[in-house]
C-alpha atoms as a PDB file:
ATOM      1  CA  UNK A   1      93.854  81.783  97.390  1.00  0.00           C
ATOM      2  CA  UNK A   2      91.064  80.519  99.656  1.00  0.00           C
ATOM      3  CA  UNK A   3      87.507  80.199  98.498  1.00  0.00           C
ATOM      4  CA  UNK A   4      83.532  79.655  99.922  1.00  0.00           C
ATOM      5  CA  UNK A   5      84.611  75.880 100.198  1.00  0.00           C
ATOM      6  CA  UNK A   6      87.272  76.830 102.674  1.00  0.00           C
ATOM      7  CA  UNK A   7      87.014  75.739 106.384  1.00  0.00           C
ATOM      8  CA  UNK A   8      86.357  79.186 108.186  1.00  0.00           C
ATOM      9  CA  UNK A   9      89.457  80.314 109.834  1.00  0.00           C
ATOM     10  CA  UNK A  10      89.507  79.564 113.788  1.00  0.00           C
ATOM     11  CA  UNK A  11      90.221  82.941 115.719  1.00  0.00           C
ATOM     12  CA  UNK A  12      93.593  81.905 116.920  1.00  0.00           C
ATOM     13  CA  UNK A  13      97.262  83.598 115.994  1.00  0.00           C
ATOM     14  CA  UNK A  14      99.017  80.341 115.807  1.00  0.00           C
ATOM     15  CA  UNK A  15      96.051  78.694 112.989  1.00  0.00           C
ATOM     16  CA  UNK A  16      96.504  82.080 111.076  1.00  0.00           C
ATOM     17  CA  UNK A  17     100.289  81.926 110.267  1.00  0.00           C
ATOM     18  CA  UNK A  18      99.946  78.640 109.699  1.00  0.00           C
ATOM     19  CA  UNK A  19      97.396  79.216 107.166  1.00  0.00           C
ATOM     20  CA  UNK A  20      99.576  82.287 105.541  1.00  0.00           C
ATOM     21  CA  UNK A  21     102.374  79.543 105.297  1.00  0.00           C
ATOM     22  CA  UNK A  22     100.228  76.678 103.374  1.00  0.00           C
ATOM     23  CA  UNK A  23      98.904  79.015 101.069  1.00  0.00           C
ATOM     24  CA  UNK A  24     102.278  80.998  99.999  1.00  0.00           C
ATOM     25  CA  UNK A  25     104.490  77.555 100.917  1.00  0.00           C
ATOM     26  CA  UNK A  26     106.995  79.972 102.291  1.00  0.00           C
ATOM     27  CA  UNK A  27     108.558  79.590 105.937  1.00  0.00           C
ATOM     28  CA  UNK A  28     110.543  82.227 106.583  1.00  0.00           C
ATOM     29  CA  UNK A  29     108.509  85.620 108.446  1.00  0.00           C
ATOM     30  CA  UNK A  30     111.972  87.416 108.755  1.00  0.00           C
ATOM     31  CA  UNK A  31     113.773  89.181 111.826  1.00  0.00           C
ATOM     32  CA  UNK A  32     110.882  91.005 112.739  1.00  0.00           C
ATOM     33  CA  UNK A  33     108.584  89.784 115.636  1.00  0.00           C
ATOM     34  CA  UNK A  34     105.231  89.921 115.854  1.00  0.00           C
ATOM     35  CA  UNK A  35     103.391  87.244 117.440  1.00  0.00           C
ATOM     36  CA  UNK A  36     102.616  88.718 120.563  1.00  0.00           C
ATOM     37  CA  UNK A  37     100.784  92.215 118.882  1.00  0.00           C
ATOM     38  CA  UNK A  38      99.146  89.460 116.922  1.00  0.00           C
ATOM     39  CA  UNK A  39      97.709  86.966 119.603  1.00  0.00           C
ATOM     40  CA  UNK A  40      96.329  90.319 121.143  1.00  0.00           C
ATOM     41  CA  UNK A  41      94.854  92.133 118.555  1.00  0.00           C
ATOM     42  CA  UNK A  42      93.088  88.496 117.613  1.00  0.00           C
ATOM     43  CA  UNK A  43      91.873  88.176 121.485  1.00  0.00           C
ATOM     44  CA  UNK A  44      90.618  91.669 121.200  1.00  0.00           C
ATOM     45  CA  UNK A  45      88.695  90.898 118.192  1.00  0.00           C
ATOM     46  CA  UNK A  46      87.199  87.494 119.817  1.00  0.00           C
ATOM     47  CA  UNK A  47      85.854  89.752 122.720  1.00  0.00           C
ATOM     48  CA  UNK A  48      84.059  92.393 120.889  1.00  0.00           C
ATOM     49  CA  UNK A  49      80.419  91.763 121.923  1.00  0.00           C
ATOM     50  CA  UNK A  50      78.738  93.255 118.471  1.00  0.00           C
ATOM     51  CA  UNK A  51      81.061  91.928 116.046  1.00  0.00           C
ATOM     52  CA  UNK A  52      79.251  89.470 113.481  1.00  0.00           C
ATOM     53  CA  UNK A  53      80.653  86.480 112.345  1.00  0.00           C
ATOM     54  CA  UNK A  54      80.782  87.807 108.702  1.00  0.00           C
ATOM     55  CA  UNK A  55      83.025  90.827 110.061  1.00  0.00           C
ATOM     56  CA  UNK A  56      84.941  88.194 112.178  1.00  0.00           C
ATOM     57  CA  UNK A  57      86.050  86.003 109.744  1.00  0.00           C
ATOM     58  CA  UNK A  58      86.763  89.486 107.064  1.00  0.00           C
ATOM     59  CA  UNK A  59      88.990  90.135 110.008  1.00  0.00           C
ATOM     60  CA  UNK A  60      90.645  87.014 109.778  1.00  0.00           C
ATOM     61  CA  UNK A  61      91.051  86.800 105.950  1.00  0.00           C
ATOM     62  CA  UNK A  62      92.383  90.189 106.206  1.00  0.00           C
ATOM     63  CA  UNK A  63      95.439  89.195 108.613  1.00  0.00           C
ATOM     64  CA  UNK A  64      96.025  85.936 106.662  1.00  0.00           C
ATOM     65  CA  UNK A  65      96.400  88.203 103.565  1.00  0.00           C
ATOM     66  CA  UNK A  66      98.894  90.366 105.640  1.00  0.00           C
ATOM     67  CA  UNK A  67     100.715  87.793 106.513  1.00  0.00           C
ATOM     68  CA  UNK A  68     101.134  86.106 103.615  1.00  0.00           C
ATOM     69  CA  UNK A  69     102.551  89.742 102.124  1.00  0.00           C
ATOM     70  CA  UNK A  70     105.317  89.056 104.832  1.00  0.00           C
ATOM     71  CA  UNK A  71     106.254  85.965 104.055  1.00  0.00           C
ATOM     72  CA  UNK A  72     106.805  87.324  99.583  1.00  0.00           C
ATOM     73  CA  UNK A  73     107.965  89.957 101.022  1.00  0.00           C
ATOM     74  CA  UNK A  74     110.798  88.167 103.283  1.00  0.00           C
ATOM     75  CA  UNK A  75     111.249  85.648 100.632  1.00  0.00           C
ATOM     76  CA  UNK A  76     111.834  88.397  97.912  1.00  0.00           C
ATOM     77  CA  UNK A  77     114.592  90.246 100.171  1.00  0.00           C
ATOM     78  CA  UNK A  78     116.024  86.720 100.457  1.00  0.00           C
ATOM     79  CA  UNK A  79     116.621  86.203  97.071  1.00  0.00           C
ATOM     80  CA  UNK A  80     117.355  89.519  96.535  1.00  0.00           C
ATOM     81  CA  UNK A  81     119.776  91.072  98.795  1.00  0.00           C
ATOM     82  CA  UNK A  82     121.101  93.983  96.889  1.00  0.00           C
ATOM     83  CA  UNK A  83     118.073  95.890  97.918  1.00  0.00           C
ATOM     84  CA  UNK A  84     119.820  96.679 101.081  1.00  0.00           C
ATOM     85  CA  UNK A  85     122.198  98.563  99.091  1.00  0.00           C
ATOM     86  CA  UNK A  86     119.529 100.689  97.967  1.00  0.00           C
ATOM     87  CA  UNK A  87     120.125 104.652  99.199  1.00  0.00           C
ATOM     88  CA  UNK A  88     117.150 106.223 101.050  1.00  0.00           C
ATOM     89  CA  UNK A  89     117.578 109.703 101.719  1.00  0.00           C
ATOM     90  CA  UNK A  90     115.724 111.758 103.771  1.00  0.00           C
ATOM     91  CA  UNK A  91     112.396 109.744 103.772  1.00  0.00           C
ATOM     92  CA  UNK A  92     109.316 111.787 104.339  1.00  0.00           C
ATOM     93  CA  UNK A  93     106.850 109.733 106.755  1.00  0.00           C
ATOM     94  CA  UNK A  94     103.632 111.568 107.075  1.00  0.00           C
ATOM     95  CA  UNK A  95     101.553 110.655 110.623  1.00  0.00           C
ATOM     96  CA  UNK A  96      98.143 112.254 111.271  1.00  0.00           C
ATOM     97  CA  UNK A  97      94.991 111.207 112.873  1.00  0.00           C
ATOM     98  CA  UNK A  98      92.255 110.171 110.421  1.00  0.00           C
ATOM     99  CA  UNK A  99      90.225 112.873 108.697  1.00  0.00           C
ATOM    100  CA  UNK A 100      93.137 115.555 109.572  1.00  0.00           C
ATOM    101  CA  UNK A 101      94.115 116.075 106.022  1.00  0.00           C
ATOM    102  CA  UNK A 102      96.949 113.578 105.898  1.00  0.00           C
ATOM    103  CA  UNK A 103      95.282 112.622 102.500  1.00  0.00           C
ATOM    104  CA  UNK A 104      95.367 115.492 100.918  1.00  0.00           C
ATOM    105  CA  UNK A 105      98.842 116.288 101.956  1.00  0.00           C
ATOM    106  CA  UNK A 106     100.251 113.003 100.407  1.00  0.00           C
ATOM    107  CA  UNK A 107      98.422 114.021  97.224  1.00  0.00           C
ATOM    108  CA  UNK A 108      99.974 117.459  96.644  1.00  0.00           C
ATOM    109  CA  UNK A 109     103.450 116.157  98.118  1.00  0.00           C
ATOM    110  CA  UNK A 110     102.802 113.135  95.484  1.00  0.00           C
ATOM    111  CA  UNK A 111     102.140 115.544  92.334  1.00  0.00           C
ATOM    112  CA  UNK A 112     106.002 116.633  92.699  1.00  0.00           C
ATOM    113  CA  UNK A 113     107.878 114.561  90.556  1.00  0.00           C
ATOM    114  CA  UNK A 114     111.040 114.911  92.408  1.00  0.00           C
ATOM    115  CA  UNK A 115     109.143 112.326  95.247  1.00  0.00           C
ATOM    116  CA  UNK A 116     109.072 108.827  94.980  1.00  0.00           C
ATOM    117  CA  UNK A 117     105.782 108.001  96.413  1.00  0.00           C
ATOM    118  CA  UNK A 118     104.107 104.850  96.890  1.00  0.00           C
ATOM    119  CA  UNK A 119     101.274 104.032  95.026  1.00  0.00           C
ATOM    120  CA  UNK A 120      98.120 102.305  95.444  1.00  0.00           C
ATOM    121  CA  UNK A 121      99.094  99.453  93.018  1.00  0.00           C
ATOM    122  CA  UNK A 122     102.187  99.041  94.956  1.00  0.00           C
ATOM    123  CA  UNK A 123     100.694  98.933  98.168  1.00  0.00           C
ATOM    124  CA  UNK A 124      98.470  96.417  97.931  1.00  0.00           C
ATOM    125  CA  UNK A 125     101.003  94.387  96.040  1.00  0.00           C
ATOM    126  CA  UNK A 126     104.422  95.062  96.743  1.00  0.00           C
ATOM    127  CA  UNK A 127     106.248  92.269  95.380  1.00  0.00           C
ATOM    128  CA  UNK A 128     106.869  92.527  91.651  1.00  0.00           C
ATOM    129  CA  UNK A 129     105.592  89.097  89.806  1.00  0.00           C
ATOM    130  CA  UNK A 130     107.831  86.140  89.174  1.00  0.00           C
ATOM    131  CA  UNK A 131     109.828  87.306  86.027  1.00  0.00           C
ATOM    132  CA  UNK A 132     109.439  90.643  86.264  1.00  0.00           C
ATOM    133  CA  UNK A 133     112.240  93.444  84.866  1.00  0.00           C
ATOM    134  CA  UNK A 134     112.066  97.102  84.866  1.00  0.00           C
ATOM    135  CA  UNK A 135     110.474  98.225  81.472  1.00  0.00           C
ATOM    136  CA  UNK A 136     107.969  95.456  81.361  1.00  0.00           C
ATOM    137  CA  UNK A 137     104.356  95.612  82.011  1.00  0.00           C
ATOM    138  CA  UNK A 138     103.225  95.104  85.247  1.00  0.00           C
ATOM    139  CA  UNK A 139     100.130  93.034  86.267  1.00  0.00           C
ATOM    140  CA  UNK A 140      99.791  94.515  89.488  1.00  0.00           C
ATOM    141  CA  UNK A 141      98.816  97.834  87.913  1.00  0.00           C
ATOM    142  CA  UNK A 142      94.920  96.262  85.892  1.00  0.00           C
ATOM    143  CA  UNK A 143      94.528  94.329  89.595  1.00  0.00           C
ATOM    144  CA  UNK A 144      95.167  97.475  91.482  1.00  0.00           C
ATOM    145  CA  UNK A 145      92.971  99.077  89.192  1.00  0.00           C
ATOM    146  CA  UNK A 146      89.909  96.364  89.856  1.00  0.00           C
ATOM    147  CA  UNK A 147      90.012  96.797  93.050  1.00  0.00           C
ATOM    148  CA  UNK A 148      89.567 100.652  93.290  1.00  0.00           C
ATOM    149  CA  UNK A 149      86.882 100.145  90.345  1.00  0.00           C
ATOM    150  CA  UNK A 150      85.195  97.280  93.371  1.00  0.00           C
ATOM    151  CA  UNK A 151      85.714  99.766  96.070  1.00  0.00           C
ATOM    152  CA  UNK A 152      84.181 102.135  93.895  1.00  0.00           C
ATOM    153  CA  UNK A 153      81.148 100.120  93.369  1.00  0.00           C
ATOM    154  CA  UNK A 154      81.023  98.726  96.988  1.00  0.00           C
ATOM    155  CA  UNK A 155      80.896 103.058  98.065  1.00  0.00           C
ATOM    156  CA  UNK A 156      78.013 103.787  95.572  1.00  0.00           C
ATOM    157  CA  UNK A 157      76.159 100.559  96.309  1.00  0.00           C
ATOM    158  CA  UNK A 158      76.158 101.523 100.066  1.00  0.00           C
ATOM    159  CA  UNK A 159      75.219 105.570  99.279  1.00  0.00           C
ATOM    160  CA  UNK A 160      72.440 104.569  96.659  1.00  0.00           C
ATOM    161  CA  UNK A 161      71.367 101.439  97.768  1.00  0.00           C
ATOM    162  CA  UNK A 162      67.542 103.341  98.227  1.00  0.00           C
ATOM    163  CA  UNK A 163      67.121 104.059  94.731  1.00  0.00           C
ATOM    164  CA  UNK A 164      68.439 101.011  93.396  1.00  0.00           C
ATOM    165  CA  UNK A 165      65.538  99.298  95.649  1.00  0.00           C
ATOM    166  CA  UNK A 166      62.874 101.816  94.819  1.00  0.00           C
ATOM    167  CA  UNK A 167      63.866 100.577  90.557  1.00  0.00           C
ATOM    168  CA  UNK A 168      63.686  97.245  91.585  1.00  0.00           C
ATOM    169  CA  UNK A 169      60.341  97.721  92.673  1.00  0.00           C
ATOM    170  CA  UNK A 170      59.199  99.893  89.905  1.00  0.00           C
ATOM    171  CA  UNK A 171      60.479  98.187  86.897  1.00  0.00           C
ATOM    172  CA  UNK A 172      58.158  94.787  87.124  1.00  0.00           C
ATOM    173  CA  UNK A 173      55.456  97.056  87.613  1.00  0.00           C
ATOM    174  CA  UNK A 174      56.212  99.184  84.613  1.00  0.00           C
ATOM    175  CA  UNK A 175      57.046  95.686  82.580  1.00  0.00           C
ATOM    176  CA  UNK A 176      52.742  94.659  83.699  1.00  0.00           C
ATOM    177  CA  UNK A 177      51.524  98.195  82.694  1.00  0.00           C
ATOM    178  CA  UNK A 178      52.588  97.392  78.811  1.00  0.00           C
ATOM    179  CA  UNK A 179      51.428  93.939  79.281  1.00  0.00           C
ATOM    180  CA  UNK A 180      47.727  95.541  80.510  1.00  0.00           C
ATOM    181  CA  UNK A 181      48.335  98.197  77.720  1.00  0.00           C
ATOM    182  CA  UNK A 182      48.924  95.234  74.911  1.00  0.00           C
ATOM    183  CA  UNK A 183      45.505  94.321  75.998  1.00  0.00           C
ATOM    184  CA  UNK A 184      43.586  97.644  75.028  1.00  0.00           C
ATOM    185  CA  UNK A 185      45.303  98.506  71.871  1.00  0.00           C
ATOM    186  CA  UNK A 186      47.392  97.054  68.761  1.00  0.00           C
ATOM    187  CA  UNK A 187      50.650  95.425  69.648  1.00  0.00           C
ATOM    188  CA  UNK A 188      51.795  97.270  66.738  1.00  0.00           C
ATOM    189  CA  UNK A 189      50.806 100.413  68.711  1.00  0.00           C
ATOM    190  CA  UNK A 190      52.071  99.114  71.984  1.00  0.00           C
ATOM    191  CA  UNK A 191      55.433  97.856  71.453  1.00  0.00           C
ATOM    192  CA  UNK A 192      57.023 100.488  69.503  1.00  0.00           C
ATOM    193  CA  UNK A 193      55.211 103.396  72.106  1.00  0.00           C
ATOM    194  CA  UNK A 194      57.099 100.909  74.913  1.00  0.00           C
ATOM    195  CA  UNK A 195      60.324 102.438  73.051  1.00  0.00           C
ATOM    196  CA  UNK A 196      59.518 105.742  73.511  1.00  0.00           C
ATOM    197  CA  UNK A 197      61.783 105.426  76.968  1.00  0.00           C
ATOM    198  CA  UNK A 198      64.646 105.610  75.116  1.00  0.00           C
ATOM    199  CA  UNK A 199      64.175 109.145  73.889  1.00  0.00           C
ATOM    200  CA  UNK A 200      63.716 109.854  77.813  1.00  0.00           C
ATOM    201  CA  UNK A 201      67.126 107.808  78.024  1.00  0.00           C
ATOM    202  CA  UNK A 202      68.677 110.059  76.172  1.00  0.00           C
ATOM    203  CA  UNK A 203      67.969 113.293  77.227  1.00  0.00           C
ATOM    204  CA  UNK A 204      68.297 112.632  80.634  1.00  0.00           C
ATOM    205  CA  UNK A 205      72.285 111.408  79.928  1.00  0.00           C
ATOM    206  CA  UNK A 206      72.753 114.350  77.765  1.00  0.00           C
ATOM    207  CA  UNK A 207      71.165 116.795  80.165  1.00  0.00           C
ATOM    208  CA  UNK A 208      71.913 115.526  83.884  1.00  0.00           C
ATOM    209  CA  UNK A 209      75.094 112.879  83.431  1.00  0.00           C
ATOM    210  CA  UNK A 210      76.686 114.754  80.767  1.00  0.00           C
ATOM    211  CA  UNK A 211      77.186 112.088  78.579  1.00  0.00           C
ATOM    212  CA  UNK A 212      79.685 112.548  75.339  1.00  0.00           C
ATOM    213  CA  UNK A 213      77.810 112.459  72.016  1.00  0.00           C
ATOM    214  CA  UNK A 214      74.655 114.395  72.674  1.00  0.00           C
ATOM    215  CA  UNK A 215      73.575 115.211  69.634  1.00  0.00           C
ATOM    216  CA  UNK A 216      73.779 111.898  67.910  1.00  0.00           C
ATOM    217  CA  UNK A 217      71.960 110.620  71.081  1.00  0.00           C
ATOM    218  CA  UNK A 218      69.338 113.368  70.497  1.00  0.00           C
ATOM    219  CA  UNK A 219      69.226 112.528  66.281  1.00  0.00           C
ATOM    220  CA  UNK A 220      68.593 108.481  67.327  1.00  0.00           C
ATOM    221  CA  UNK A 221      65.782 109.769  69.652  1.00  0.00           C
ATOM    222  CA  UNK A 222      64.647 112.167  67.171  1.00  0.00           C
ATOM    223  CA  UNK A 223      64.186 108.757  64.417  1.00  0.00           C
ATOM    224  CA  UNK A 224      62.915 106.658  67.132  1.00  0.00           C
ATOM    225  CA  UNK A 225      59.847 108.926  67.650  1.00  0.00           C
ATOM    226  CA  UNK A 226      59.388 109.709  64.314  1.00  0.00           C
ATOM    227  CA  UNK A 227      58.660 106.205  64.162  1.00  0.00           C
ATOM    228  CA  UNK A 228      56.805 105.541  66.920  1.00  0.00           C
ATOM    229  CA  UNK A 229      54.150 108.249  65.183  1.00  0.00           C
ATOM    230  CA  UNK A 230      54.376 106.766  61.748  1.00  0.00           C
ATOM    231  CA  UNK A 231      52.965 103.428  63.109  1.00  0.00           C
ATOM    232  CA  UNK A 232      50.059 105.037  65.201  1.00  0.00           C
ATOM    233  CA  UNK A 233      49.230 107.181  62.145  1.00  0.00           C
ATOM    234  CA  UNK A 234      49.549 103.991  60.002  1.00  0.00           C
END
Protein backbone atom coordinates (compact mmCIF):
# COMPACT_ATOMS: atom_id res chain seq x y z
CA UNK A 1 0.00 0.00 0.00
CA UNK A 2 1.31 3.44 -0.87
CA UNK A 3 2.01 6.09 1.73
CA UNK A 4 2.47 9.84 1.67
CA UNK A 5 6.21 9.21 1.58
CA UNK A 6 6.04 7.23 -1.67
CA UNK A 7 7.34 8.81 -4.83
CA UNK A 8 4.44 10.23 -6.90
CA UNK A 9 3.33 7.89 -9.66
CA UNK A 10 4.26 8.68 -13.23
CA UNK A 11 1.50 9.02 -15.81
CA UNK A 12 2.87 6.08 -17.76
CA UNK A 13 1.00 2.80 -18.24
CA UNK A 14 4.14 0.67 -18.04
CA UNK A 15 5.12 2.34 -14.77
CA UNK A 16 1.69 1.66 -13.28
CA UNK A 17 1.79 -1.98 -14.37
CA UNK A 18 5.20 -2.39 -12.74
CA UNK A 19 4.05 -0.61 -9.57
CA UNK A 20 1.11 -2.98 -9.16
CA UNK A 21 3.51 -5.92 -9.47
CA UNK A 22 5.77 -4.37 -6.85
CA UNK A 23 2.95 -3.80 -4.36
CA UNK A 24 1.47 -7.28 -4.67
CA UNK A 25 4.60 -9.32 -5.28
CA UNK A 26 2.73 -10.98 -8.16
CA UNK A 27 3.55 -11.02 -11.88
CA UNK A 28 0.86 -12.81 -13.89
CA UNK A 29 -1.93 -10.60 -15.25
CA UNK A 30 -3.60 -13.51 -16.98
CA UNK A 31 -4.64 -14.03 -20.59
CA UNK A 32 -6.84 -10.94 -20.95
CA UNK A 33 -4.76 -8.10 -22.36
CA UNK A 34 -5.44 -4.50 -21.41
CA UNK A 35 -2.18 -2.80 -22.37
CA UNK A 36 -3.51 -0.83 -25.35
CA UNK A 37 -6.62 0.36 -23.50
CA UNK A 38 -4.57 1.39 -20.45
CA UNK A 39 -2.07 3.34 -22.54
CA UNK A 40 -4.96 5.12 -24.26
CA UNK A 41 -6.63 5.96 -20.93
CA UNK A 42 -3.45 7.36 -19.35
CA UNK A 43 -2.67 9.42 -22.48
CA UNK A 44 -6.17 10.88 -22.36
CA UNK A 45 -5.78 11.80 -18.68
CA UNK A 46 -2.54 13.65 -19.40
CA UNK A 47 -4.21 15.62 -22.19
CA UNK A 48 -6.97 16.91 -19.90
CA UNK A 49 -6.45 20.67 -19.57
CA UNK A 50 -8.55 21.00 -16.40
CA UNK A 51 -6.98 18.04 -14.56
CA UNK A 52 -5.34 19.12 -11.29
CA UNK A 53 -2.25 17.38 -9.97
CA UNK A 54 -4.23 15.96 -7.05
CA UNK A 55 -6.96 14.62 -9.33
CA UNK A 56 -4.40 13.07 -11.68
CA UNK A 57 -2.65 11.34 -8.79
CA UNK A 58 -6.01 10.01 -7.57
CA UNK A 59 -6.70 8.52 -11.01
CA UNK A 60 -3.24 6.96 -11.16
CA UNK A 61 -3.61 5.45 -7.68
CA UNK A 62 -6.96 4.06 -8.73
CA UNK A 63 -5.38 2.49 -11.80
CA UNK A 64 -2.72 0.81 -9.65
CA UNK A 65 -5.40 -0.51 -7.27
CA UNK A 66 -7.31 -2.00 -10.19
CA UNK A 67 -4.17 -3.52 -11.67
CA UNK A 68 -3.30 -4.99 -8.28
CA UNK A 69 -6.76 -6.51 -8.09
CA UNK A 70 -6.26 -8.14 -11.50
CA UNK A 71 -3.00 -9.68 -10.27
CA UNK A 72 -4.62 -10.98 -7.09
CA UNK A 73 -7.60 -12.40 -8.97
CA UNK A 74 -5.37 -14.20 -11.48
CA UNK A 75 -3.29 -15.61 -8.63
CA UNK A 76 -6.48 -16.81 -6.90
CA UNK A 77 -7.75 -18.47 -10.08
CA UNK A 78 -4.38 -20.17 -10.57
CA UNK A 79 -4.49 -21.60 -7.06
CA UNK A 80 -8.15 -22.62 -7.37
CA UNK A 81 -8.76 -23.95 -10.89
CA UNK A 82 -11.94 -25.62 -9.65
CA UNK A 83 -13.64 -22.23 -9.99
CA UNK A 84 -13.92 -22.94 -13.72
CA UNK A 85 -16.15 -25.92 -12.93
CA UNK A 86 -18.78 -23.79 -11.17
CA UNK A 87 -21.91 -23.59 -13.38
CA UNK A 88 -23.33 -20.15 -14.19
CA UNK A 89 -26.94 -20.48 -15.30
CA UNK A 90 -28.72 -17.65 -17.14
CA UNK A 91 -26.85 -14.65 -15.70
CA UNK A 92 -28.59 -11.26 -15.70
CA UNK A 93 -26.49 -8.25 -16.72
CA UNK A 94 -27.88 -4.75 -16.18
CA UNK A 95 -26.68 -2.18 -18.73
CA UNK A 96 -27.78 1.44 -18.90
CA UNK A 97 -26.72 5.07 -18.85
CA UNK A 98 -26.11 6.87 -15.58
CA UNK A 99 -29.15 8.15 -13.67
CA UNK A 100 -31.58 5.98 -15.65
CA UNK A 101 -32.63 3.73 -12.77
CA UNK A 102 -30.12 0.90 -13.13
CA UNK A 103 -29.19 1.02 -9.43
CA UNK A 104 -32.83 0.84 -8.34
CA UNK A 105 -33.40 -2.07 -10.70
CA UNK A 106 -30.39 -3.85 -9.22
CA UNK A 107 -31.66 -3.29 -5.66
CA UNK A 108 -35.07 -4.70 -6.59
CA UNK A 109 -33.49 -7.79 -8.14
CA UNK A 110 -31.11 -8.20 -5.19
CA UNK A 111 -34.08 -8.24 -2.80
CA UNK A 112 -35.21 -11.53 -4.35
CA UNK A 113 -33.47 -14.42 -2.52
CA UNK A 114 -33.35 -16.55 -5.67
CA UNK A 115 -30.58 -14.34 -7.08
CA UNK A 116 -26.92 -14.45 -6.15
CA UNK A 117 -25.87 -10.80 -6.44
CA UNK A 118 -22.57 -8.95 -6.18
CA UNK A 119 -22.49 -7.04 -2.90
CA UNK A 120 -20.42 -3.91 -2.26
CA UNK A 121 -17.95 -5.69 -0.01
CA UNK A 122 -17.37 -8.29 -2.71
CA UNK A 123 -16.96 -5.68 -5.44
CA UNK A 124 -14.40 -3.76 -3.38
CA UNK A 125 -12.32 -6.87 -2.74
CA UNK A 126 -13.45 -10.01 -4.61
CA UNK A 127 -10.56 -12.14 -3.33
CA UNK A 128 -11.12 -13.88 0.06
CA UNK A 129 -8.33 -13.38 2.61
CA UNK A 130 -5.67 -16.06 2.94
CA UNK A 131 -6.84 -19.03 4.96
CA UNK A 132 -10.52 -18.13 4.73
CA UNK A 133 -13.06 -20.94 4.49
CA UNK A 134 -16.85 -20.80 4.05
CA UNK A 135 -18.51 -20.12 7.40
CA UNK A 136 -15.55 -18.17 8.80
CA UNK A 137 -15.76 -14.42 9.58
CA UNK A 138 -14.72 -12.35 6.58
CA UNK A 139 -12.70 -9.20 7.23
CA UNK A 140 -13.83 -7.76 3.90
CA UNK A 141 -17.24 -7.01 5.43
CA UNK A 142 -15.79 -4.71 8.09
CA UNK A 143 -13.44 -3.07 5.57
CA UNK A 144 -16.37 -2.38 3.24
CA UNK A 145 -18.41 -0.95 6.12
CA UNK A 146 -15.58 1.45 6.97
CA UNK A 147 -15.30 2.43 3.29
CA UNK A 148 -19.04 3.13 3.06
CA UNK A 149 -18.91 5.23 6.23
CA UNK A 150 -16.02 7.22 4.79
CA UNK A 151 -17.93 7.83 1.57
CA UNK A 152 -21.02 8.93 3.52
CA UNK A 153 -18.89 11.28 5.63
CA UNK A 154 -17.28 12.83 2.56
CA UNK A 155 -20.69 13.29 0.93
CA UNK A 156 -21.99 15.00 4.08
CA UNK A 157 -18.88 17.17 4.27
CA UNK A 158 -19.36 18.33 0.68
CA UNK A 159 -23.04 19.08 1.32
CA UNK A 160 -22.71 20.74 4.75
CA UNK A 161 -19.37 22.54 4.59
CA UNK A 162 -21.06 25.94 4.82
CA UNK A 163 -22.79 24.96 8.06
CA UNK A 164 -19.50 23.62 9.45
CA UNK A 165 -17.80 26.89 8.53
CA UNK A 166 -20.43 28.90 10.41
CA UNK A 167 -20.00 26.70 13.49
CA UNK A 168 -16.23 27.02 13.31
CA UNK A 169 -16.58 30.81 13.41
CA UNK A 170 -19.38 31.05 15.98
CA UNK A 171 -18.03 28.54 18.52
CA UNK A 172 -14.91 30.55 19.51
CA UNK A 173 -17.07 33.69 19.65
CA UNK A 174 -19.37 31.95 22.15
CA UNK A 175 -16.40 31.08 24.35
CA UNK A 176 -15.27 34.70 24.26
CA UNK A 177 -18.72 35.75 25.47
CA UNK A 178 -18.40 33.32 28.41
CA UNK A 179 -15.06 34.85 29.36
CA UNK A 180 -16.57 38.31 29.13
CA UNK A 181 -19.52 37.24 31.29
CA UNK A 182 -17.10 35.90 33.91
CA UNK A 183 -15.73 39.42 34.27
CA UNK A 184 -19.19 40.84 34.96
CA UNK A 185 -20.67 38.15 37.23
CA UNK A 186 -19.45 35.57 39.77
CA UNK A 187 -17.91 32.51 38.17
CA UNK A 188 -20.18 30.31 40.30
CA UNK A 189 -23.09 31.73 38.29
CA UNK A 190 -21.49 31.90 34.88
CA UNK A 191 -20.10 28.35 34.79
CA UNK A 192 -23.42 26.58 35.53
CA UNK A 193 -25.29 28.92 33.20
CA UNK A 194 -22.93 27.96 30.41
CA UNK A 195 -24.07 24.35 30.76
CA UNK A 196 -27.61 25.41 29.83
CA UNK A 197 -26.46 24.74 26.26
CA UNK A 198 -26.85 21.06 27.06
CA UNK A 199 -30.53 21.73 27.72
CA UNK A 200 -31.01 23.10 24.22
CA UNK A 201 -28.96 20.26 22.74
CA UNK A 202 -31.20 17.69 24.42
CA UNK A 203 -34.36 19.42 23.18
CA UNK A 204 -33.07 19.77 19.62
CA UNK A 205 -31.74 16.22 19.53
CA UNK A 206 -35.09 14.76 20.55
CA UNK A 207 -37.28 17.15 18.59
CA UNK A 208 -35.45 17.64 15.31
CA UNK A 209 -33.17 14.62 15.03
CA UNK A 210 -35.49 12.03 16.58
CA UNK A 211 -32.79 10.74 18.93
CA UNK A 212 -33.71 7.92 21.27
CA UNK A 213 -34.22 8.18 25.07
CA UNK A 214 -35.97 11.52 24.73
CA UNK A 215 -37.58 11.15 28.15
CA UNK A 216 -34.27 10.53 29.90
CA UNK A 217 -32.72 13.44 28.04
CA UNK A 218 -35.49 15.77 29.17
CA UNK A 219 -35.21 14.58 32.77
CA UNK A 220 -31.46 15.19 32.72
CA UNK A 221 -31.95 18.62 31.14
CA UNK A 222 -34.55 19.50 33.77
CA UNK A 223 -32.14 18.50 36.57
CA UNK A 224 -29.47 20.64 34.96
CA UNK A 225 -31.78 23.63 34.73
CA UNK A 226 -32.85 23.15 38.36
CA UNK A 227 -29.22 23.10 39.44
CA UNK A 228 -28.46 26.32 37.59
CA UNK A 229 -31.44 28.04 39.18
CA UNK A 230 -30.44 26.76 42.62
CA UNK A 231 -26.90 28.07 42.26
CA UNK A 232 -28.11 31.44 41.02
CA UNK A 233 -30.56 31.70 43.92
CA UNK A 234 -28.05 30.68 46.59
